[in-house]
Amino acid sequence: MQTVVLIWIAIMSVWAFATMGYDKRQSKVKGQRVPEKNLWYLAMLGGGIGAYFGMQLFRHKTRHTSFRIGFLMLAILYGVLIFYLFGVTLPTNSFA
């Protein structure tokens, strides 16, 4: 099950990243754009990491506070989930 979730997050992140790049290109050439709700769906359905890095790399939607904060929060959430699935634990306080 862990492998399926990790593969799902990877596929959705690549898809969201590519979609951010495509939408940025379309915005430059005044072409058919990707609706913002579709960008959000991709991010929420597992592509938060790819959506965030795509936003940063392509400098796309960076003026929209909801995208900056929302995509960052989703990226952090999926990052924590990945660490959890790999069994990474935070160090504990050994002074107590």
Protein backbone atom coordinates (compact mmCIF):
# COMPACT_ATOMS: atom_id res chain seq x y z
CA MET A 1 0.00 0.00 0.00
CA GLN A 2 2.86 2.39 0.82
CA THR A 3 4.36 1.88 -2.61
CA VAL A 4 1.04 2.65 -4.29
CA VAL A 5 0.68 5.91 -2.34
CA LEU A 6 4.26 6.95 -3.15
CA ILE A 7 3.81 6.17 -6.84
CA TRP A 8 0.50 8.07 -6.83
CA ILE A 9 2.14 11.16 -5.28
CA ALA A 10 5.02 10.95 -7.77
CA ILE A 11 2.72 10.66 -10.80
CA MET A 12 0.42 13.44 -9.64
CA SER A 13 3.39 15.68 -8.82
CA VAL A 14 4.89 15.22 -12.29
CA TRP A 15 1.47 15.87 -13.83
CA ALA A 16 0.91 19.02 -11.74
CA PHE A 17 4.44 20.27 -12.50
CA ALA A 18 3.95 19.77 -16.24
CA THR A 19 0.53 21.42 -16.11
CA MET A 20 1.96 24.49 -14.39
CA GLY A 21 4.58 24.75 -17.15
CA TYR A 22 1.98 24.27 -19.86
CA ASP A 23 -0.33 26.90 -18.37
CA LYS A 24 2.54 29.37 -18.06
CA ARG A 25 3.44 28.84 -21.71
CA GLN A 26 -0.19 29.26 -22.73
CA SER A 27 -0.42 32.50 -20.74
CA LYS A 28 2.57 33.91 -22.64
CA VAL A 29 1.16 33.08 -26.09
CA LYS A 30 -2.44 33.98 -25.14
CA GLY A 31 -3.57 30.40 -25.76
CA GLN A 32 -6.13 28.12 -24.13
CA ARG A 33 -5.47 28.23 -20.38
CA VAL A 34 -5.86 25.57 -17.72
CA PRO A 35 -8.64 26.57 -15.29
CA GLU A 36 -7.36 27.42 -11.82
CA LYS A 37 -9.70 24.85 -10.28
CA ASN A 38 -7.92 22.12 -12.29
CA LEU A 39 -4.55 23.27 -10.93
CA TRP A 40 -6.01 23.02 -7.43
CA TYR A 41 -7.49 19.58 -8.10
CA LEU A 42 -4.12 18.27 -9.26
CA ALA A 43 -2.40 19.74 -6.21
CA MET A 44 -4.98 18.39 -3.75
CA LEU A 45 -5.12 14.93 -5.30
CA GLY A 46 -1.46 14.25 -4.63
CA GLY A 47 0.43 16.73 -6.79
CA GLY A 48 1.11 19.38 -4.17
CA ILE A 49 4.89 18.99 -4.36
CA GLY A 50 5.00 19.20 -8.15
CA ALA A 51 2.54 22.09 -8.23
CA TYR A 52 4.62 24.08 -5.73
CA PHE A 53 7.92 23.47 -7.51
CA GLY A 54 6.29 24.17 -10.88
CA MET A 55 4.92 27.44 -9.56
CA GLN A 56 8.38 28.45 -8.36
CA LEU A 57 10.35 27.28 -11.39
CA PHE A 58 8.00 28.71 -14.02
CA ARG A 59 7.17 31.78 -11.89
CA HIS A 60 3.51 31.03 -12.44
CA LYS A 61 0.71 32.11 -10.09
CA THR A 62 3.28 33.52 -7.67
CA ARG A 63 1.29 36.75 -7.22
CA HIS A 64 -1.75 34.84 -6.01
CA THR A 65 -1.50 34.52 -2.23
CA SER A 66 -3.88 31.55 -2.19
CA PHE A 67 -1.61 29.64 -4.58
CA ARG A 68 1.61 30.59 -2.78
CA ILE A 69 0.34 29.56 0.64
CA GLY A 70 -1.96 26.74 -0.43
CA PHE A 71 0.55 24.97 -2.69
CA LEU A 72 3.26 25.36 -0.03
CA MET A 73 1.00 23.82 2.63
CA LEU A 74 0.08 20.94 0.33
CA ALA A 75 3.75 20.37 -0.53
CA ILE A 76 4.62 20.24 3.18
CA LEU A 77 1.70 17.90 3.85
CA TYR A 78 2.73 15.46 1.11
CA GLY A 79 6.38 15.75 2.17
CA VAL A 80 5.47 14.76 5.73
CA LEU A 81 3.35 11.91 4.37
CA ILE A 82 6.30 10.65 2.30
CA PHE A 83 8.62 10.78 5.33
CA TYR A 84 6.00 8.94 7.38
CA LEU A 85 5.62 6.23 4.73
CA PHE A 86 9.39 5.77 4.65
CA GLY A 87 9.41 5.39 8.42
CA VAL A 88 11.42 8.54 9.14
CA THR A 89 10.92 9.70 12.71
CA LEU A 90 11.80 13.01 14.29
CA PRO A 91 14.49 12.97 16.95
CA THR A 92 13.16 12.97 20.49
CA ASN A 93 14.29 15.13 23.34
CA SER A 94 16.80 13.03 25.29
CA PHE A 95 17.22 15.63 28.07
CA ALA A 96 13.86 14.93 29.68
